[in-house]
Amino acid sequence: MKKLKFIFALAATFIFSGCYETTLLTRMPISALVSDKSSDVKSTIVLTGITPQTHETKMVTDNVRVFVPDAKFKDFPTGETAYEMSVSAGKGENGGKNSDKRAVRIYLGQDGDVYGKLSKNMLDQYAGAAKQGEAPTLKAAIKFENDTKDVYELVVGNEFKASDEVQTGGVYTLTPGQVTGAIWADSAAVREALAGKAVKIGTLKKAAK
């Protein structure tokens, strides 16, 4: 398991308004998590099977922005519709002045645990869609990047597993410059997130010298 490098990417799949399947990818550097100052980390939402040739871009954009207010249309190599957005990152559940406008908050708790939590707007929109029988489906995958000069150890809980591994959980030693592959959340973790709970991804700490 020590082969994995340390980037953090949150990937979520939604069906916006019951029809848009999307994947949200976030590259999260460790420096952003351990910082006392909250920051925005650029991310990308890709709408699976939705292209500018098959769907009217403005309509899709308006629907996406209901869930992700700061979404901005961008080109994507596959030709599918994609958007740039920001994820809030830093220490503590409550971030800076813009964190409440982000769809997701990724943070490091006082106990050294890393959590992910959906914003109130995201939860409210999900609940509204559910009442109409159009509840979004959600998947989540995570990557980490060690952009620091220190070696870190990440202990991932059993609610997550690497995409190329059968077993869940694991311990990863991450040297400077390393990046993980995708670490996926199971259905229990997804249910917790949709219930408005902070989902524990794992525990992060500097490796003993």
C-alpha atoms as a PDB file:
ATOM      1  CA  MET A   1       0.000   0.000   0.000  1.00  0.00           C
ATOM      2  CA  LYS A   2       2.985   2.318   0.410  1.00  0.00           C
ATOM      3  CA  LYS A   3       3.054   2.625  -3.374  1.00  0.00           C
ATOM      4  CA  LEU A   4       0.294   5.230  -3.269  1.00  0.00           C
ATOM      5  CA  LYS A   5       1.194   8.876  -3.463  1.00  0.00           C
ATOM      6  CA  PHE A   6      -0.612  11.734  -1.723  1.00  0.00           C
ATOM      7  CA  ILE A   7      -3.181  13.902  -3.606  1.00  0.00           C
ATOM      8  CA  PHE A   8      -6.658  14.500  -2.503  1.00  0.00           C
ATOM      9  CA  ALA A   9      -9.449  14.310  -5.019  1.00  0.00           C
ATOM     10  CA  LEU A  10     -13.047  14.223  -4.185  1.00  0.00           C
ATOM     11  CA  ALA A  11     -15.178  12.621  -6.883  1.00  0.00           C
ATOM     12  CA  ALA A  12     -18.892  12.667  -6.685  1.00  0.00           C
ATOM     13  CA  THR A  13     -21.540  11.515  -9.132  1.00  0.00           C
ATOM     14  CA  PHE A  14     -24.864  13.303  -9.227  1.00  0.00           C
ATOM     15  CA  ILE A  15     -27.902  13.093 -11.473  1.00  0.00           C
ATOM     16  CA  PHE A  16     -28.878  16.739 -11.539  1.00  0.00           C
ATOM     17  CA  SER A  17     -32.624  17.176 -11.841  1.00  0.00           C
ATOM     18  CA  GLY A  18     -32.885  13.448 -12.399  1.00  0.00           C
ATOM     19  CA  CYS A  19     -31.009  13.429 -15.692  1.00  0.00           C
ATOM     20  CA  TYR A  20     -27.408  14.628 -15.424  1.00  0.00           C
ATOM     21  CA  GLU A  21     -24.873  12.044 -14.278  1.00  0.00           C
ATOM     22  CA  THR A  22     -21.736  13.858 -13.247  1.00  0.00           C
ATOM     23  CA  THR A  23     -18.331  13.154 -11.751  1.00  0.00           C
ATOM     24  CA  LEU A  24     -16.665  15.751  -9.542  1.00  0.00           C
ATOM     25  CA  LEU A  25     -12.862  15.558  -9.340  1.00  0.00           C
ATOM     26  CA  THR A  26     -10.776  17.561  -6.884  1.00  0.00           C
ATOM     27  CA  ARG A  27      -7.000  17.531  -6.548  1.00  0.00           C
ATOM     28  CA  MET A  28      -6.356  18.284  -2.893  1.00  0.00           C
ATOM     29  CA  PRO A  29      -2.800  19.080  -1.759  1.00  0.00           C
ATOM     30  CA  ILE A  30      -1.842  18.279   1.834  1.00  0.00           C
ATOM     31  CA  SER A  31      -0.604  21.836   2.311  1.00  0.00           C
ATOM     32  CA  ALA A  32      -4.188  23.079   1.934  1.00  0.00           C
ATOM     33  CA  LEU A  33      -5.453  20.677   4.605  1.00  0.00           C
ATOM     34  CA  VAL A  34      -2.807  21.491   7.218  1.00  0.00           C
ATOM     35  CA  SER A  35      -3.033  25.250   6.691  1.00  0.00           C
ATOM     36  CA  ASP A  36      -4.670  27.428   9.335  1.00  0.00           C
ATOM     37  CA  LYS A  37      -6.057  29.539   6.500  1.00  0.00           C
ATOM     38  CA  SER A  38      -8.986  28.166   4.521  1.00  0.00           C
ATOM     39  CA  SER A  39      -8.472  28.066   0.752  1.00  0.00           C
ATOM     40  CA  ASP A  40     -10.260  27.140  -2.467  1.00  0.00           C
ATOM     41  CA  VAL A  41      -9.010  24.154  -4.419  1.00  0.00           C
ATOM     42  CA  LYS A  42      -9.912  24.076  -8.108  1.00  0.00           C
ATOM     43  CA  SER A  43     -11.955  21.065  -9.174  1.00  0.00           C
ATOM     44  CA  THR A  44     -13.697  19.749 -12.268  1.00  0.00           C
ATOM     45  CA  ILE A  45     -17.200  18.378 -12.764  1.00  0.00           C
ATOM     46  CA  VAL A  46     -17.662  16.133 -15.798  1.00  0.00           C
ATOM     47  CA  LEU A  47     -21.192  15.337 -16.961  1.00  0.00           C
ATOM     48  CA  THR A  48     -21.157  11.767 -18.251  1.00  0.00           C
ATOM     49  CA  GLY A  49     -22.788  11.387 -21.640  1.00  0.00           C
ATOM     50  CA  ILE A  50     -23.675  15.077 -21.835  1.00  0.00           C
ATOM     51  CA  THR A  51     -22.005  16.933 -24.716  1.00  0.00           C
ATOM     52  CA  PRO A  52     -22.491  20.393 -26.265  1.00  0.00           C
ATOM     53  CA  GLN A  53     -23.757  18.565 -29.364  1.00  0.00           C
ATOM     54  CA  THR A  54     -26.554  16.732 -27.529  1.00  0.00           C
ATOM     55  CA  HIS A  55     -27.608  19.268 -24.880  1.00  0.00           C
ATOM     56  CA  GLU A  56     -28.087  23.021 -24.792  1.00  0.00           C
ATOM     57  CA  THR A  57     -25.129  24.348 -22.791  1.00  0.00           C
ATOM     58  CA  LYS A  58     -26.941  27.220 -21.046  1.00  0.00           C
ATOM     59  CA  MET A  59     -29.717  24.947 -19.795  1.00  0.00           C
ATOM     60  CA  VAL A  60     -27.225  22.421 -18.449  1.00  0.00           C
ATOM     61  CA  THR A  61     -25.150  25.181 -16.861  1.00  0.00           C
ATOM     62  CA  ASP A  62     -28.185  26.678 -15.124  1.00  0.00           C
ATOM     63  CA  ASN A  63     -29.096  23.272 -13.677  1.00  0.00           C
ATOM     64  CA  VAL A  64     -25.560  22.557 -12.506  1.00  0.00           C
ATOM     65  CA  ARG A  65     -25.329  25.937 -10.797  1.00  0.00           C
ATOM     66  CA  VAL A  66     -28.375  25.080  -8.690  1.00  0.00           C
ATOM     67  CA  PHE A  67     -26.113  22.542  -6.953  1.00  0.00           C
ATOM     68  CA  VAL A  68     -22.734  24.215  -7.544  1.00  0.00           C
ATOM     69  CA  PRO A  69     -23.174  28.022  -7.695  1.00  0.00           C
ATOM     70  CA  ASP A  70     -19.587  28.763  -8.763  1.00  0.00           C
ATOM     71  CA  ALA A  71     -19.518  26.267 -11.663  1.00  0.00           C
ATOM     72  CA  LYS A  72     -17.894  27.643 -14.825  1.00  0.00           C
ATOM     73  CA  PHE A  73     -18.056  25.875 -18.195  1.00  0.00           C
ATOM     74  CA  LYS A  74     -14.712  24.528 -19.417  1.00  0.00           C
ATOM     75  CA  ASP A  75     -13.357  22.378 -22.238  1.00  0.00           C
ATOM     76  CA  PHE A  76     -12.705  18.720 -21.431  1.00  0.00           C
ATOM     77  CA  PRO A  77     -10.561  16.253 -23.425  1.00  0.00           C
ATOM     78  CA  THR A  78     -13.348  13.663 -23.810  1.00  0.00           C
ATOM     79  CA  GLY A  79     -15.673  16.193 -25.430  1.00  0.00           C
ATOM     80  CA  GLU A  80     -18.212  15.818 -22.632  1.00  0.00           C
ATOM     81  CA  THR A  81     -19.581  18.843 -20.823  1.00  0.00           C
ATOM     82  CA  ALA A  82     -17.420  19.862 -17.882  1.00  0.00           C
ATOM     83  CA  TYR A  83     -17.262  22.659 -15.336  1.00  0.00           C
ATOM     84  CA  GLU A  84     -14.630  24.162 -13.095  1.00  0.00           C
ATOM     85  CA  MET A  85     -15.583  24.668  -9.463  1.00  0.00           C
ATOM     86  CA  SER A  86     -13.889  25.136  -6.107  1.00  0.00           C
ATOM     87  CA  VAL A  87     -13.799  22.934  -3.022  1.00  0.00           C
ATOM     88  CA  SER A  88     -13.180  24.560   0.340  1.00  0.00           C
ATOM     89  CA  ALA A  89     -10.203  23.124   2.255  1.00  0.00           C
ATOM     90  CA  GLY A  90      -8.325  23.755   5.492  1.00  0.00           C
ATOM     91  CA  LYS A  91      -8.390  23.098   9.212  1.00  0.00           C
ATOM     92  CA  GLY A  92     -11.743  22.804  10.945  1.00  0.00           C
ATOM     93  CA  GLU A  93     -15.290  22.297   9.719  1.00  0.00           C
ATOM     94  CA  ASN A  94     -15.913  26.024   9.359  1.00  0.00           C
ATOM     95  CA  GLY A  95     -13.829  27.659   6.656  1.00  0.00           C
ATOM     96  CA  GLY A  96     -13.333  31.197   5.445  1.00  0.00           C
ATOM     97  CA  LYS A  97     -15.831  33.680   4.074  1.00  0.00           C
ATOM     98  CA  ASN A  98     -16.360  31.767   0.826  1.00  0.00           C
ATOM     99  CA  SER A  99     -16.509  28.230   2.237  1.00  0.00           C
ATOM    100  CA  ASP A 100     -20.291  28.331   2.693  1.00  0.00           C
ATOM    101  CA  LYS A 101     -20.621  28.975  -1.049  1.00  0.00           C
ATOM    102  CA  ARG A 102     -18.737  25.816  -2.008  1.00  0.00           C
ATOM    103  CA  ALA A 103     -20.448  22.480  -2.679  1.00  0.00           C
ATOM    104  CA  VAL A 104     -17.982  20.552  -0.521  1.00  0.00           C
ATOM    105  CA  ARG A 105     -15.765  21.262   2.478  1.00  0.00           C
ATOM    106  CA  ILE A 106     -12.700  19.036   3.029  1.00  0.00           C
ATOM    107  CA  TYR A 107     -11.000  19.649   6.341  1.00  0.00           C
ATOM    108  CA  LEU A 108      -8.532  18.426   8.929  1.00  0.00           C
ATOM    109  CA  GLY A 109      -9.992  18.049  12.414  1.00  0.00           C
ATOM    110  CA  GLN A 110      -8.197  18.684  15.699  1.00  0.00           C
ATOM    111  CA  ASP A 111      -7.820  14.942  16.114  1.00  0.00           C
ATOM    112  CA  GLY A 112      -5.867  14.648  12.865  1.00  0.00           C
ATOM    113  CA  ASP A 113      -8.781  13.066  11.000  1.00  0.00           C
ATOM    114  CA  VAL A 114      -9.694  14.212   7.491  1.00  0.00           C
ATOM    115  CA  TYR A 115     -13.383  14.774   6.828  1.00  0.00           C
ATOM    116  CA  GLY A 116     -15.581  15.603   3.877  1.00  0.00           C
ATOM    117  CA  LYS A 117     -18.909  17.363   4.196  1.00  0.00           C
ATOM    118  CA  LEU A 118     -21.509  18.533   1.681  1.00  0.00           C
ATOM    119  CA  SER A 119     -22.681  22.137   1.887  1.00  0.00           C
ATOM    120  CA  LYS A 120     -26.123  23.136   3.151  1.00  0.00           C
ATOM    121  CA  ASN A 121     -27.085  24.247  -0.361  1.00  0.00           C
ATOM    122  CA  MET A 122     -26.099  20.886  -1.814  1.00  0.00           C
ATOM    123  CA  LEU A 123     -28.089  19.033   0.849  1.00  0.00           C
ATOM    124  CA  ASP A 124     -31.136  21.277   0.414  1.00  0.00           C
ATOM    125  CA  GLN A 125     -31.137  20.818  -3.367  1.00  0.00           C
ATOM    126  CA  TYR A 126     -30.720  17.057  -2.985  1.00  0.00           C
ATOM    127  CA  ALA A 127     -33.656  16.912  -0.577  1.00  0.00           C
ATOM    128  CA  GLY A 128     -35.792  18.934  -2.963  1.00  0.00           C
ATOM    129  CA  ALA A 129     -34.971  16.608  -5.849  1.00  0.00           C
ATOM    130  CA  ALA A 130     -35.755  13.584  -3.670  1.00  0.00           C
ATOM    131  CA  LYS A 131     -39.230  14.909  -2.902  1.00  0.00           C
ATOM    132  CA  GLN A 132     -39.874  15.067  -6.644  1.00  0.00           C
ATOM    133  CA  GLY A 133     -38.671  11.505  -7.120  1.00  0.00           C
ATOM    134  CA  GLU A 134     -35.508  12.725  -8.833  1.00  0.00           C
ATOM    135  CA  ALA A 135     -32.964  12.196  -6.060  1.00  0.00           C
ATOM    136  CA  PRO A 136     -29.398  12.444  -7.350  1.00  0.00           C
ATOM    137  CA  THR A 137     -27.150   9.415  -7.067  1.00  0.00           C
ATOM    138  CA  LEU A 138     -23.807  10.129  -5.464  1.00  0.00           C
ATOM    139  CA  LYS A 139     -20.414   8.483  -5.658  1.00  0.00           C
ATOM    140  CA  ALA A 140     -17.212   9.775  -4.136  1.00  0.00           C
ATOM    141  CA  ALA A 141     -13.557   9.114  -4.869  1.00  0.00           C
ATOM    142  CA  ILE A 142     -10.619  10.740  -3.156  1.00  0.00           C
ATOM    143  CA  LYS A 143      -7.000  11.457  -4.040  1.00  0.00           C
ATOM    144  CA  PHE A 144      -4.241  13.162  -2.057  1.00  0.00           C
ATOM    145  CA  GLU A 145      -1.076  14.993  -3.130  1.00  0.00           C
ATOM    146  CA  ASN A 146       1.867  15.442  -0.797  1.00  0.00           C
ATOM    147  CA  ASP A 147       3.124  18.847  -1.887  1.00  0.00           C
ATOM    148  CA  THR A 148       5.050  19.382   1.368  1.00  0.00           C
ATOM    149  CA  LYS A 149       8.645  18.599   2.350  1.00  0.00           C
ATOM    150  CA  ASP A 150       7.538  16.124   5.017  1.00  0.00           C
ATOM    151  CA  VAL A 151       6.576  12.461   4.850  1.00  0.00           C
ATOM    152  CA  TYR A 152       2.951  11.810   5.809  1.00  0.00           C
ATOM    153  CA  GLU A 153       1.030   8.724   6.801  1.00  0.00           C
ATOM    154  CA  LEU A 154      -2.601   8.305   5.808  1.00  0.00           C
ATOM    155  CA  VAL A 155      -4.765   5.679   7.489  1.00  0.00           C
ATOM    156  CA  VAL A 156      -7.947   5.169   5.449  1.00  0.00           C
ATOM    157  CA  GLY A 157     -11.082   3.789   7.097  1.00  0.00           C
ATOM    158  CA  ASN A 158     -12.995   0.704   5.983  1.00  0.00           C
ATOM    159  CA  GLU A 159     -15.614   2.899   4.280  1.00  0.00           C
ATOM    160  CA  PHE A 160     -13.064   3.596   1.540  1.00  0.00           C
ATOM    161  CA  LYS A 161     -10.914   1.531  -0.798  1.00  0.00           C
ATOM    162  CA  ALA A 162      -8.429   2.159  -3.581  1.00  0.00           C
ATOM    163  CA  SER A 163      -9.794   1.552  -7.053  1.00  0.00           C
ATOM    164  CA  ASP A 164      -7.098  -1.046  -7.786  1.00  0.00           C
ATOM    165  CA  GLU A 165      -7.433  -2.884  -4.480  1.00  0.00           C
ATOM    166  CA  VAL A 166      -9.995  -5.437  -3.316  1.00  0.00           C
ATOM    167  CA  GLN A 167      -9.634  -4.804   0.402  1.00  0.00           C
ATOM    168  CA  THR A 168     -11.003  -1.732   2.110  1.00  0.00           C
ATOM    169  CA  GLY A 169      -9.076   0.688   4.264  1.00  0.00           C
ATOM    170  CA  GLY A 170      -5.296   0.736   4.429  1.00  0.00           C
ATOM    171  CA  VAL A 171      -2.200   2.613   5.520  1.00  0.00           C
ATOM    172  CA  TYR A 172      -0.317   4.713   2.982  1.00  0.00           C
ATOM    173  CA  THR A 173       3.109   6.277   3.460  1.00  0.00           C
ATOM    174  CA  LEU A 174       3.365   9.385   1.294  1.00  0.00           C
ATOM    175  CA  THR A 175       6.702  10.975   0.540  1.00  0.00           C
ATOM    176  CA  PRO A 176       7.093  14.489  -0.913  1.00  0.00           C
ATOM    177  CA  GLY A 177       5.699  14.710  -4.439  1.00  0.00           C
ATOM    178  CA  GLN A 178       3.643  11.521  -4.241  1.00  0.00           C
ATOM    179  CA  VAL A 179       0.014  11.279  -5.340  1.00  0.00           C
ATOM    180  CA  THR A 180      -2.597   8.624  -4.612  1.00  0.00           C
ATOM    181  CA  GLY A 181      -4.822   6.869  -7.048  1.00  0.00           C
ATOM    182  CA  ALA A 182      -8.565   7.198  -6.502  1.00  0.00           C
ATOM    183  CA  ILE A 183      -9.884   6.023  -3.133  1.00  0.00           C
ATOM    184  CA  TRP A 184     -13.612   5.331  -3.343  1.00  0.00           C
ATOM    185  CA  ALA A 185     -16.306   5.735  -0.698  1.00  0.00           C
ATOM    186  CA  ASP A 186     -18.768   2.925  -0.085  1.00  0.00           C
ATOM    187  CA  SER A 187     -22.547   3.351   0.085  1.00  0.00           C
ATOM    188  CA  ALA A 188     -22.547   3.787   3.874  1.00  0.00           C
ATOM    189  CA  ALA A 189     -20.236   6.786   3.648  1.00  0.00           C
ATOM    190  CA  VAL A 190     -22.405   8.268   0.896  1.00  0.00           C
ATOM    191  CA  ARG A 191     -25.538   7.878   3.031  1.00  0.00           C
ATOM    192  CA  GLU A 192     -23.814   9.677   5.910  1.00  0.00           C
ATOM    193  CA  ALA A 193     -22.842  12.562   3.641  1.00  0.00           C
ATOM    194  CA  LEU A 194     -26.382  12.899   2.309  1.00  0.00           C
ATOM    195  CA  ALA A 195     -27.660  12.904   5.884  1.00  0.00           C
ATOM    196  CA  GLY A 196     -25.604  16.041   6.470  1.00  0.00           C
ATOM    197  CA  LYS A 197     -22.877  14.338   8.474  1.00  0.00           C
ATOM    198  CA  ALA A 198     -19.153  14.892   8.171  1.00  0.00           C
ATOM    199  CA  VAL A 199     -17.694  11.735   6.644  1.00  0.00           C
ATOM    200  CA  LYS A 200     -14.366  10.594   8.042  1.00  0.00           C
ATOM    201  CA  ILE A 201     -12.041   9.749   5.167  1.00  0.00           C
ATOM    202  CA  GLY A 202      -9.014   8.820   7.214  1.00  0.00           C
ATOM    203  CA  THR A 203      -6.339  10.011   9.628  1.00  0.00           C
ATOM    204  CA  LEU A 204      -3.426  12.141   8.465  1.00  0.00           C
ATOM    205  CA  LYS A 205      -0.191  12.675  10.372  1.00  0.00           C
ATOM    206  CA  LYS A 206       3.489  13.239   9.795  1.00  0.00           C
ATOM    207  CA  ALA A 207       5.380   9.963   9.631  1.00  0.00           C
ATOM    208  CA  ALA A 208       7.776   9.201  12.464  1.00  0.00           C
ATOM    209  CA  LYS A 209      11.402   9.851  11.542  1.00  0.00           C
END
